[in-house]
Amino acid sequence: MGSCESVESKASREAAIISKKIDKDLERKSNGNMEQKLLLLGPGESGKSTCLKQLKIMHANGYSEQEIQEKKFVVYMNIVQSMAALLDAMETLGVPFDNNSMEALRQVVAMATIHGKLVRKVYASGCEFIDWGPELRSAVRELWADGGVRKTFFNDLDRISKKNYKPSIQDILHTRVPTSGVVQFYFTMKGINFE
């Protein structure tokens, strides 16, 4: 018995090349429909949550009315906590108030910070947040008017402290809420689904 050596024809080589090209095209197209996973890693306060907020705004239809209203509390608490931190830093660094009556207002902000921690617990349980009272609104305004405190970022205080305040997209981007654990959300960009 003999064996025959077969030789691949030119036509079958061309068919194999075309078949491989078609397979690659199909694979590339099917990968476009697959869900991609995006993992953001970094140390605390490095911008991971802000990046997610921006992706949500640009590629996931932004925030619903309910989500925007929920951010109102975060904006308020960020302002009160920031004011309290500024006042503590002024005391630590020995920066005096321009007006001596500001110490009483400092006490109001300290109480608001404590009150805010309690309100946060109530809010987390699903209750509605109550707007700032006139005493806190007035105290933060007067403290902000003080030249020693003024060198910060409270420029939108009048707009934010109004009763009918609705957080803007920029307000939401500037909020700071410590996150721990994994945060998942889905969006589509250029026809690719991301998780």
N, C-alpha and C. Protein backbone atom coordinates (compact mmCIF):
# COMPACT_ATOMS: atom_id res chain seq x y z
N MET A 1 0.84 -1.15 0.00
CA MET A 1 0.00 0.00 0.00
C MET A 1 0.88 1.21 0.00
N GLY A 2 0.52 2.13 -0.76
CA GLY A 2 1.31 3.34 -0.86
C GLY A 2 0.57 4.50 -0.23
N SER A 3 1.27 5.52 0.03
CA SER A 3 0.62 6.71 0.55
C SER A 3 0.77 7.82 -0.46
N CYS A 4 -0.24 8.64 -0.50
CA CYS A 4 -0.23 9.76 -1.44
C CYS A 4 -0.01 11.05 -0.68
N GLU A 5 0.80 11.85 -1.20
CA GLU A 5 1.00 13.16 -0.61
C GLU A 5 0.01 14.09 -1.28
N SER A 6 -0.79 14.78 -0.43
CA SER A 6 -1.76 15.68 -1.04
C SER A 6 -1.20 17.09 -1.02
N VAL A 7 -1.53 17.83 -2.00
CA VAL A 7 -1.09 19.21 -2.12
C VAL A 7 -2.33 20.09 -2.05
N GLU A 8 -2.25 21.12 -1.17
CA GLU A 8 -3.38 22.03 -1.02
C GLU A 8 -3.48 22.89 -2.27
N SER A 9 -4.66 22.97 -2.79
CA SER A 9 -4.84 23.77 -4.00
C SER A 9 -4.86 25.25 -3.65
N LYS A 10 -4.59 26.05 -4.65
CA LYS A 10 -4.59 27.51 -4.49
C LYS A 10 -5.97 27.99 -4.08
N ALA A 11 -7.00 27.40 -4.62
CA ALA A 11 -8.37 27.80 -4.32
C ALA A 11 -8.71 27.53 -2.85
N SER A 12 -8.28 26.40 -2.32
CA SER A 12 -8.60 26.09 -0.93
C SER A 12 -7.81 26.98 0.03
N ARG A 13 -6.60 27.39 -0.34
CA ARG A 13 -5.83 28.34 0.49
C ARG A 13 -6.54 29.68 0.54
N GLU A 14 -7.01 30.15 -0.60
CA GLU A 14 -7.73 31.43 -0.64
C GLU A 14 -9.03 31.34 0.16
N ALA A 15 -9.71 30.21 0.07
CA ALA A 15 -10.94 30.01 0.83
C ALA A 15 -10.65 30.03 2.34
N ALA A 16 -9.54 29.44 2.75
CA ALA A 16 -9.16 29.42 4.17
C ALA A 16 -8.87 30.83 4.67
N ILE A 17 -8.19 31.64 3.85
CA ILE A 17 -7.88 33.03 4.22
C ILE A 17 -9.17 33.83 4.36
N ILE A 18 -10.08 33.67 3.41
CA ILE A 18 -11.36 34.38 3.46
C ILE A 18 -12.16 33.94 4.69
N SER A 19 -12.15 32.64 4.97
CA SER A 19 -12.87 32.12 6.13
C SER A 19 -12.33 32.71 7.43
N LYS A 20 -11.01 32.79 7.55
CA LYS A 20 -10.39 33.37 8.75
C LYS A 20 -10.77 34.84 8.89
N LYS A 21 -10.80 35.55 7.76
CA LYS A 21 -11.17 36.96 7.80
C LYS A 21 -12.62 37.13 8.26
N ILE A 22 -13.50 36.29 7.76
CA ILE A 22 -14.91 36.34 8.16
C ILE A 22 -15.04 36.02 9.64
N ASP A 23 -14.30 35.00 10.10
CA ASP A 23 -14.34 34.64 11.53
C ASP A 23 -13.88 35.81 12.41
N LYS A 24 -12.82 36.50 12.00
CA LYS A 24 -12.32 37.65 12.77
C LYS A 24 -13.35 38.77 12.80
N ASP A 25 -13.99 39.04 11.65
CA ASP A 25 -15.02 40.08 11.59
C ASP A 25 -16.20 39.73 12.51
N LEU A 26 -16.64 38.47 12.47
CA LEU A 26 -17.74 38.04 13.33
C LEU A 26 -17.37 38.16 14.81
N GLU A 27 -16.15 37.78 15.14
CA GLU A 27 -15.69 37.87 16.53
C GLU A 27 -15.65 39.32 16.99
N ARG A 28 -15.16 40.20 16.13
CA ARG A 28 -15.08 41.62 16.48
C ARG A 28 -16.49 42.19 16.68
N LYS A 29 -17.43 41.83 15.82
CA LYS A 29 -18.81 42.33 15.94
C LYS A 29 -19.49 41.77 17.19
N SER A 30 -19.27 40.49 17.49
CA SER A 30 -19.91 39.91 18.67
C SER A 30 -19.32 40.50 19.95
N ASN A 31 -18.04 40.84 19.95
CA ASN A 31 -17.43 41.48 21.12
C ASN A 31 -18.02 42.85 21.36
N GLY A 32 -18.46 43.53 20.33
CA GLY A 32 -19.07 44.85 20.48
C GLY A 32 -20.38 44.79 21.25
N ASN A 33 -21.05 43.65 21.21
CA ASN A 33 -22.32 43.49 21.91
C ASN A 33 -22.14 42.96 23.33
N MET A 34 -20.94 42.59 23.67
CA MET A 34 -20.68 42.05 25.00
C MET A 34 -20.63 43.17 26.03
N GLU A 35 -20.88 42.79 27.25
CA GLU A 35 -20.80 43.76 28.34
C GLU A 35 -19.35 43.83 28.83
N GLN A 36 -18.86 45.03 28.95
CA GLN A 36 -17.50 45.25 29.44
C GLN A 36 -17.57 45.65 30.90
N LYS A 37 -16.60 45.25 31.65
CA LYS A 37 -16.53 45.64 33.06
C LYS A 37 -15.45 46.70 33.21
N LEU A 38 -15.79 47.75 33.94
CA LEU A 38 -14.87 48.85 34.19
C LEU A 38 -14.67 48.94 35.70
N LEU A 39 -13.44 48.83 36.15
CA LEU A 39 -13.13 48.88 37.57
C LEU A 39 -12.28 50.10 37.85
N LEU A 40 -12.80 50.99 38.69
CA LEU A 40 -12.05 52.19 39.08
C LEU A 40 -11.40 51.93 40.42
N LEU A 41 -10.10 52.05 40.48
CA LEU A 41 -9.36 51.85 41.72
C LEU A 41 -8.58 53.10 42.05
N GLY A 42 -8.39 53.34 43.31
CA GLY A 42 -7.59 54.47 43.75
C GLY A 42 -7.78 54.71 45.22
N PRO A 43 -6.91 55.50 45.81
CA PRO A 43 -7.03 55.80 47.24
C PRO A 43 -8.25 56.68 47.50
N GLY A 44 -8.61 56.81 48.76
CA GLY A 44 -9.73 57.66 49.15
C GLY A 44 -9.55 59.08 48.64
N GLU A 45 -10.66 59.67 48.25
CA GLU A 45 -10.71 61.06 47.77
C GLU A 45 -9.84 61.31 46.54
N SER A 46 -9.71 60.28 45.68
CA SER A 46 -8.92 60.46 44.46
C SER A 46 -9.79 60.76 43.24
N GLY A 47 -11.12 60.76 43.40
CA GLY A 47 -12.00 61.14 42.31
C GLY A 47 -12.78 60.01 41.68
N LYS A 48 -12.76 58.82 42.27
CA LYS A 48 -13.48 57.69 41.68
C LYS A 48 -14.99 57.96 41.62
N SER A 49 -15.56 58.43 42.71
CA SER A 49 -17.00 58.71 42.74
C SER A 49 -17.36 59.85 41.80
N THR A 50 -16.51 60.86 41.72
CA THR A 50 -16.76 61.97 40.80
C THR A 50 -16.72 61.48 39.36
N CYS A 51 -15.80 60.58 39.05
CA CYS A 51 -15.73 60.00 37.70
C CYS A 51 -17.03 59.25 37.39
N LEU A 52 -17.53 58.48 38.35
CA LEU A 52 -18.79 57.76 38.14
C LEU A 52 -19.96 58.72 37.95
N LYS A 53 -19.98 59.81 38.72
CA LYS A 53 -21.04 60.81 38.55
C LYS A 53 -21.00 61.38 37.14
N GLN A 54 -19.81 61.68 36.64
CA GLN A 54 -19.68 62.25 35.30
C GLN A 54 -20.10 61.24 34.24
N LEU A 55 -19.74 59.98 34.40
CA LEU A 55 -20.17 58.95 33.45
C LEU A 55 -21.69 58.83 33.44
N LYS A 56 -22.29 58.90 34.62
CA LYS A 56 -23.76 58.82 34.72
C LYS A 56 -24.41 59.99 34.00
N ILE A 57 -23.86 61.18 34.16
CA ILE A 57 -24.41 62.37 33.51
C ILE A 57 -24.26 62.28 32.00
N MET A 58 -23.10 61.86 31.54
CA MET A 58 -22.82 61.87 30.10
C MET A 58 -23.37 60.66 29.35
N HIS A 59 -23.45 59.49 30.01
CA HIS A 59 -23.78 58.27 29.26
C HIS A 59 -24.95 57.46 29.82
N ALA A 60 -25.56 57.91 30.91
CA ALA A 60 -26.65 57.13 31.50
C ALA A 60 -27.85 58.01 31.82
N ASN A 61 -28.11 59.01 31.00
CA ASN A 61 -29.28 59.89 31.14
C ASN A 61 -29.30 60.71 32.43
N GLY A 62 -28.18 60.87 33.07
CA GLY A 62 -28.10 61.77 34.23
C GLY A 62 -28.87 61.29 35.43
N TYR A 63 -29.33 62.25 36.22
CA TYR A 63 -30.02 61.97 37.48
C TYR A 63 -31.51 62.21 37.33
N SER A 64 -32.30 61.35 37.96
CA SER A 64 -33.76 61.53 37.97
C SER A 64 -34.10 62.67 38.93
N GLU A 65 -35.33 63.17 38.85
CA GLU A 65 -35.77 64.24 39.76
C GLU A 65 -35.63 63.80 41.21
N GLN A 66 -35.98 62.55 41.48
CA GLN A 66 -35.88 62.05 42.86
C GLN A 66 -34.42 62.03 43.32
N GLU A 67 -33.51 61.58 42.47
CA GLU A 67 -32.09 61.55 42.83
C GLU A 67 -31.56 62.96 43.08
N ILE A 68 -32.01 63.91 42.26
CA ILE A 68 -31.57 65.30 42.43
C ILE A 68 -32.05 65.84 43.78
N GLN A 69 -33.31 65.56 44.13
CA GLN A 69 -33.84 66.02 45.42
C GLN A 69 -33.10 65.36 46.59
N GLU A 70 -32.71 64.10 46.40
CA GLU A 70 -31.96 63.40 47.46
C GLU A 70 -30.59 64.03 47.68
N LYS A 71 -30.02 64.64 46.66
CA LYS A 71 -28.69 65.27 46.78
C LYS A 71 -28.75 66.59 47.55
N LYS A 72 -29.95 67.14 47.71
CA LYS A 72 -30.10 68.41 48.43
C LYS A 72 -29.51 68.31 49.84
N PHE A 73 -29.82 67.24 50.53
CA PHE A 73 -29.31 67.03 51.88
C PHE A 73 -27.79 66.97 51.89
N VAL A 74 -27.22 66.29 50.91
CA VAL A 74 -25.76 66.15 50.84
C VAL A 74 -25.11 67.52 50.65
N VAL A 75 -25.69 68.35 49.78
CA VAL A 75 -25.15 69.69 49.56
C VAL A 75 -25.20 70.49 50.87
N TYR A 76 -26.35 70.47 51.55
CA TYR A 76 -26.49 71.20 52.81
C TYR A 76 -25.45 70.74 53.84
N MET A 77 -25.34 69.43 54.00
CA MET A 77 -24.42 68.92 55.01
C MET A 77 -22.97 69.21 54.62
N ASN A 78 -22.63 69.16 53.34
CA ASN A 78 -21.27 69.51 52.92
C ASN A 78 -20.95 70.95 53.28
N ILE A 79 -21.92 71.85 53.13
CA ILE A 79 -21.69 73.26 53.46
C ILE A 79 -21.49 73.42 54.97
N VAL A 80 -22.36 72.81 55.76
CA VAL A 80 -22.25 72.95 57.22
C VAL A 80 -20.94 72.33 57.71
N GLN A 81 -20.60 71.14 57.20
CA GLN A 81 -19.35 70.49 57.61
C GLN A 81 -18.14 71.29 57.17
N SER A 82 -18.20 71.85 55.98
CA SER A 82 -17.08 72.67 55.49
C SER A 82 -16.92 73.93 56.33
N MET A 83 -18.04 74.56 56.67
CA MET A 83 -17.97 75.76 57.51
C MET A 83 -17.39 75.40 58.88
N ALA A 84 -17.84 74.28 59.45
CA ALA A 84 -17.31 73.86 60.75
C ALA A 84 -15.81 73.58 60.65
N ALA A 85 -15.37 72.94 59.56
CA ALA A 85 -13.94 72.67 59.37
C ALA A 85 -13.15 73.96 59.23
N LEU A 86 -13.70 74.93 58.49
CA LEU A 86 -13.03 76.23 58.34
C LEU A 86 -12.89 76.93 59.69
N LEU A 87 -13.95 76.90 60.47
CA LEU A 87 -13.92 77.55 61.78
C LEU A 87 -12.91 76.87 62.71
N ASP A 88 -12.87 75.54 62.66
CA ASP A 88 -11.88 74.82 63.47
C ASP A 88 -10.46 75.17 63.03
N ALA A 89 -10.25 75.24 61.71
CA ALA A 89 -8.91 75.59 61.20
C ALA A 89 -8.53 77.01 61.60
N MET A 90 -9.50 77.93 61.55
CA MET A 90 -9.22 79.31 61.96
C MET A 90 -8.77 79.34 63.42
N GLU A 91 -9.46 78.56 64.24
CA GLU A 91 -9.10 78.52 65.67
C GLU A 91 -7.71 77.91 65.85
N THR A 92 -7.44 76.80 65.16
CA THR A 92 -6.14 76.13 65.27
C THR A 92 -5.00 77.04 64.81
N LEU A 93 -5.22 77.75 63.72
CA LEU A 93 -4.18 78.60 63.15
C LEU A 93 -4.14 80.00 63.75
N GLY A 94 -5.08 80.28 64.64
CA GLY A 94 -5.11 81.59 65.28
C GLY A 94 -5.56 82.72 64.37
N VAL A 95 -6.38 82.40 63.36
CA VAL A 95 -6.91 83.43 62.46
C VAL A 95 -8.10 84.07 63.16
N PRO A 96 -8.04 85.37 63.43
CA PRO A 96 -9.14 86.02 64.16
C PRO A 96 -10.31 86.35 63.24
N PHE A 97 -11.49 86.42 63.84
CA PHE A 97 -12.66 86.92 63.12
C PHE A 97 -12.49 88.42 62.95
N ASP A 98 -12.99 88.96 61.86
CA ASP A 98 -13.01 90.42 61.70
C ASP A 98 -13.98 91.05 62.68
N ASN A 99 -15.03 90.32 62.99
CA ASN A 99 -16.09 90.82 63.87
C ASN A 99 -16.13 89.92 65.11
N ASN A 100 -16.02 90.49 66.29
CA ASN A 100 -15.97 89.71 67.53
C ASN A 100 -17.26 88.95 67.85
N SER A 101 -18.38 89.36 67.27
CA SER A 101 -19.65 88.68 67.57
C SER A 101 -19.77 87.34 66.84
N MET A 102 -18.79 87.00 66.03
CA MET A 102 -18.86 85.77 65.24
C MET A 102 -18.77 84.51 66.10
N GLU A 103 -18.21 84.60 67.28
CA GLU A 103 -18.07 83.42 68.14
C GLU A 103 -19.42 82.79 68.43
N ALA A 104 -20.44 83.61 68.64
CA ALA A 104 -21.79 83.08 68.89
C ALA A 104 -22.29 82.31 67.67
N LEU A 105 -22.00 82.82 66.49
CA LEU A 105 -22.42 82.13 65.26
C LEU A 105 -21.66 80.82 65.09
N ARG A 106 -20.42 80.82 65.52
CA ARG A 106 -19.61 79.60 65.45
C ARG A 106 -20.30 78.48 66.24
N GLN A 107 -20.87 78.85 67.38
CA GLN A 107 -21.59 77.88 68.21
C GLN A 107 -22.80 77.32 67.46
N VAL A 108 -23.49 78.17 66.70
CA VAL A 108 -24.65 77.73 65.92
C VAL A 108 -24.23 76.68 64.90
N VAL A 109 -23.12 76.92 64.21
CA VAL A 109 -22.64 75.97 63.21
C VAL A 109 -22.21 74.66 63.89
N ALA A 110 -21.59 74.75 65.06
CA ALA A 110 -21.21 73.54 65.79
C ALA A 110 -22.44 72.72 66.14
N MET A 111 -23.49 73.39 66.59
CA MET A 111 -24.74 72.69 66.91
C MET A 111 -25.37 72.11 65.65
N ALA A 112 -25.29 72.83 64.55
CA ALA A 112 -25.85 72.35 63.28
C ALA A 112 -25.12 71.09 62.82
N THR A 113 -23.83 71.03 63.07
CA THR A 113 -23.06 69.85 62.69
C THR A 113 -23.54 68.64 63.48
N ILE A 114 -23.75 68.82 64.76
CA ILE A 114 -24.27 67.73 65.60
C ILE A 114 -25.68 67.36 65.15
N HIS A 115 -26.52 68.38 64.92
CA HIS A 115 -27.89 68.16 64.44
C HIS A 115 -27.86 67.42 63.10
N GLY A 116 -26.92 67.81 62.24
CA GLY A 116 -26.81 67.18 60.92
C GLY A 116 -26.52 65.70 61.00
N LYS A 117 -25.72 65.30 61.97
CA LYS A 117 -25.43 63.87 62.14
C LYS A 117 -26.69 63.11 62.51
N LEU A 118 -27.52 63.72 63.34
CA LEU A 118 -28.79 63.09 63.70
C LEU A 118 -29.73 63.05 62.50
N VAL A 119 -29.80 64.16 61.78
CA VAL A 119 -30.67 64.24 60.60
C VAL A 119 -30.24 63.21 59.56
N ARG A 120 -28.93 63.02 59.41
CA ARG A 120 -28.42 62.05 58.44
C ARG A 120 -28.95 60.65 58.76
N LYS A 121 -29.00 60.29 60.03
CA LYS A 121 -29.53 58.99 60.42
C LYS A 121 -31.01 58.88 60.08
N VAL A 122 -31.76 59.95 60.34
CA VAL A 122 -33.19 59.96 60.00
C VAL A 122 -33.36 59.88 58.49
N TYR A 123 -32.57 60.66 57.76
CA TYR A 123 -32.65 60.69 56.30
C TYR A 123 -32.33 59.32 55.71
N ALA A 124 -31.34 58.65 56.28
CA ALA A 124 -30.94 57.33 55.78
C ALA A 124 -32.08 56.32 55.94
N SER A 125 -32.97 56.57 56.89
CA SER A 125 -34.09 55.66 57.10
C SER A 125 -35.24 55.93 56.13
N GLY A 126 -35.07 56.93 55.24
CA GLY A 126 -36.08 57.18 54.21
C GLY A 126 -36.96 58.38 54.45
N CYS A 127 -36.75 59.10 55.54
CA CYS A 127 -37.57 60.28 55.82
C CYS A 127 -37.11 61.47 54.98
N GLU A 128 -37.99 62.41 54.82
CA GLU A 128 -37.71 63.62 54.03
C GLU A 128 -36.85 64.58 54.83
N PHE A 129 -35.91 65.24 54.18
CA PHE A 129 -35.05 66.21 54.86
C PHE A 129 -35.78 67.54 54.98
N ILE A 130 -35.69 68.16 56.13
CA ILE A 130 -36.31 69.47 56.36
C ILE A 130 -35.29 70.54 56.04
N ASP A 131 -35.73 71.60 55.34
CA ASP A 131 -34.81 72.68 54.96
C ASP A 131 -34.16 73.32 56.18
N TRP A 132 -33.09 74.07 55.91
CA TRP A 132 -32.39 74.80 56.96
C TRP A 132 -33.37 75.72 57.68
N GLY A 133 -33.17 75.86 58.96
CA GLY A 133 -33.96 76.84 59.69
C GLY A 133 -33.36 78.22 59.47
N PRO A 134 -34.12 79.27 59.77
CA PRO A 134 -33.61 80.62 59.55
C PRO A 134 -32.38 80.94 60.39
N GLU A 135 -32.26 80.34 61.60
CA GLU A 135 -31.11 80.62 62.46
C GLU A 135 -29.81 80.11 61.82
N LEU A 136 -29.84 78.87 61.29
CA LEU A 136 -28.64 78.32 60.65
C LEU A 136 -28.32 79.08 59.37
N ARG A 137 -29.35 79.35 58.57
CA ARG A 137 -29.14 80.09 57.32
C ARG A 137 -28.48 81.44 57.61
N SER A 138 -28.99 82.13 58.60
CA SER A 138 -28.46 83.44 58.97
C SER A 138 -27.03 83.32 59.51
N ALA A 139 -26.79 82.31 60.34
CA ALA A 139 -25.45 82.13 60.93
C ALA A 139 -24.41 81.86 59.86
N VAL A 140 -24.72 80.97 58.92
CA VAL A 140 -23.75 80.65 57.86
C VAL A 140 -23.52 81.88 56.98
N ARG A 141 -24.59 82.63 56.68
CA ARG A 141 -24.44 83.86 55.87
C ARG A 141 -23.53 84.88 56.56
N GLU A 142 -23.79 85.09 57.84
CA GLU A 142 -22.98 86.08 58.58
C GLU A 142 -21.54 85.63 58.71
N LEU A 143 -21.34 84.33 58.96
CA LEU A 143 -19.97 83.82 59.04
C LEU A 143 -19.27 83.98 57.69
N TRP A 144 -20.02 83.73 56.62
CA TRP A 144 -19.44 83.85 55.29
C TRP A 144 -19.06 85.30 54.98
N ALA A 145 -19.81 86.23 55.52
CA ALA A 145 -19.52 87.66 55.29
C ALA A 145 -18.26 88.10 56.03
N ASP A 146 -17.83 87.33 57.02
CA ASP A 146 -16.64 87.68 57.79
C ASP A 146 -15.40 87.51 56.90
N GLY A 147 -14.53 88.52 56.91
CA GLY A 147 -13.33 88.50 56.07
C GLY A 147 -12.40 87.35 56.36
N GLY A 148 -12.34 86.88 57.61
CA GLY A 148 -11.46 85.77 57.95
C GLY A 148 -11.93 84.46 57.36
N VAL A 149 -13.24 84.31 57.20
CA VAL A 149 -13.82 83.07 56.68
C VAL A 149 -13.94 83.14 55.16
N ARG A 150 -14.07 84.33 54.63
CA ARG A 150 -14.45 84.56 53.23
C ARG A 150 -13.53 83.92 52.19
N LYS A 151 -12.32 83.59 52.56
CA LYS A 151 -11.35 83.10 51.58
C LYS A 151 -11.57 81.62 51.25
N THR A 152 -12.81 81.22 51.04
CA THR A 152 -13.12 79.83 50.70
C THR A 152 -14.07 79.78 49.52
N PHE A 153 -14.97 78.81 49.47
CA PHE A 153 -15.75 78.56 48.25
C PHE A 153 -17.27 78.64 48.41
N PHE A 154 -17.78 79.40 49.33
CA PHE A 154 -19.21 79.45 49.59
C PHE A 154 -19.95 80.46 48.73
N ASN A 155 -19.52 80.68 47.51
CA ASN A 155 -20.08 81.74 46.67
C ASN A 155 -21.56 81.56 46.31
N ASP A 156 -22.08 80.34 46.33
CA ASP A 156 -23.47 80.09 45.94
C ASP A 156 -24.40 79.93 47.13
N LEU A 157 -24.00 80.40 48.28
CA LEU A 157 -24.77 80.19 49.49
C LEU A 157 -26.20 80.74 49.40
N ASP A 158 -26.38 81.93 48.83
CA ASP A 158 -27.73 82.50 48.72
C ASP A 158 -28.63 81.61 47.88
N ARG A 159 -28.13 81.12 46.77
CA ARG A 159 -28.92 80.25 45.89
C ARG A 159 -29.25 78.92 46.60
N ILE A 160 -28.27 78.35 47.27
CA ILE A 160 -28.43 77.04 47.88
C ILE A 160 -29.34 77.09 49.11
N SER A 161 -29.34 78.19 49.83
CA SER A 161 -30.12 78.24 51.07
C SER A 161 -31.59 78.61 50.85
N LYS A 162 -32.01 78.82 49.60
CA LYS A 162 -33.42 79.12 49.33
C LYS A 162 -34.28 77.88 49.57
N LYS A 163 -35.51 78.12 49.98
CA LYS A 163 -36.41 77.02 50.31
C LYS A 163 -36.68 76.11 49.10
N ASN A 164 -36.77 76.68 47.91
CA ASN A 164 -37.07 75.88 46.71
C ASN A 164 -35.81 75.43 45.97
N TYR A 165 -34.68 75.40 46.67
CA TYR A 165 -33.40 75.02 46.07
C TYR A 165 -33.47 73.62 45.44
N LYS A 166 -32.95 73.52 44.23
CA LYS A 166 -32.83 72.24 43.53
C LYS A 166 -31.37 72.13 43.10
N PRO A 167 -30.64 71.10 43.56
CA PRO A 167 -29.23 70.98 43.20
C PRO A 167 -29.02 70.94 41.69
N SER A 168 -28.03 71.68 41.24
CA SER A 168 -27.66 71.64 39.82
C SER A 168 -26.71 70.46 39.61
N ILE A 169 -26.44 70.15 38.35
CA ILE A 169 -25.50 69.08 38.04
C ILE A 169 -24.13 69.40 38.64
N GLN A 170 -23.71 70.66 38.57
CA GLN A 170 -22.43 71.06 39.17
C GLN A 170 -22.45 70.87 40.68
N ASP A 171 -23.57 71.18 41.33
CA ASP A 171 -23.68 70.96 42.77
C ASP A 171 -23.48 69.48 43.10
N ILE A 172 -24.12 68.63 42.31
CA ILE A 172 -24.02 67.18 42.54
C ILE A 172 -22.58 66.72 42.34
N LEU A 173 -21.93 67.22 41.30
CA LEU A 173 -20.54 66.84 41.06
C LEU A 173 -19.62 67.27 42.20
N HIS A 174 -19.95 68.38 42.85
CA HIS A 174 -19.09 68.89 43.93
C HIS A 174 -19.38 68.27 45.29
N THR A 175 -20.45 67.48 45.40
CA THR A 175 -20.77 66.90 46.70
C THR A 175 -19.75 65.83 47.06
N ARG A 176 -19.60 65.64 48.34
CA ARG A 176 -18.67 64.65 48.85
C ARG A 176 -19.40 63.77 49.84
N VAL A 177 -19.52 62.50 49.51
CA VAL A 177 -20.07 61.51 50.41
C VAL A 177 -19.07 60.37 50.47
N PRO A 178 -18.53 60.07 51.63
CA PRO A 178 -17.58 58.96 51.71
C PRO A 178 -18.24 57.67 51.24
N THR A 179 -17.58 56.95 50.37
CA THR A 179 -18.11 55.68 49.89
C THR A 179 -17.21 54.56 50.37
N SER A 180 -17.83 53.45 50.69
CA SER A 180 -17.06 52.27 51.07
C SER A 180 -17.73 51.09 50.39
N GLY A 181 -16.95 50.12 50.05
CA GLY A 181 -17.49 48.97 49.37
C GLY A 181 -17.55 49.19 47.86
N VAL A 182 -18.34 48.37 47.21
CA VAL A 182 -18.43 48.40 45.75
C VAL A 182 -19.67 49.17 45.33
N VAL A 183 -19.51 50.05 44.36
CA VAL A 183 -20.63 50.78 43.78
C VAL A 183 -20.75 50.32 42.34
N GLN A 184 -21.93 49.84 41.95
CA GLN A 184 -22.14 49.36 40.59
C GLN A 184 -23.14 50.23 39.88
N PHE A 185 -22.87 50.49 38.61
CA PHE A 185 -23.88 51.12 37.78
C PHE A 185 -23.58 50.81 36.33
N TYR A 186 -24.61 50.87 35.50
CA TYR A 186 -24.51 50.46 34.10
C TYR A 186 -24.69 51.67 33.20
N PHE A 187 -23.94 51.67 32.10
CA PHE A 187 -24.10 52.72 31.10
C PHE A 187 -23.63 52.18 29.75
N THR A 188 -24.04 52.87 28.69
CA THR A 188 -23.65 52.49 27.34
C THR A 188 -22.89 53.64 26.72
N MET A 189 -21.76 53.33 26.10
CA MET A 189 -20.96 54.34 25.44
C MET A 189 -20.50 53.78 24.10
N LYS A 190 -20.83 54.49 23.03
CA LYS A 190 -20.48 54.09 21.67
C LYS A 190 -20.90 52.65 21.38
N GLY A 191 -22.11 52.30 21.82
CA GLY A 191 -22.68 50.99 21.53
C GLY A 191 -22.15 49.86 22.40
N ILE A 192 -21.29 50.16 23.36
CA ILE A 192 -20.74 49.13 24.24
C ILE A 192 -21.36 49.30 25.62
N ASN A 193 -21.87 48.20 26.15
CA ASN A 193 -22.46 48.21 27.49
C ASN A 193 -21.36 48.05 28.53
N PHE A 194 -21.38 48.92 29.53
CA PHE A 194 -20.40 48.86 30.61
C PHE A 194 -21.10 48.59 31.92
N GLU A 195 -20.43 47.86 32.79
CA GLU A 195 -20.91 47.63 34.15
C GLU A 195 -19.84 48.16 35.08
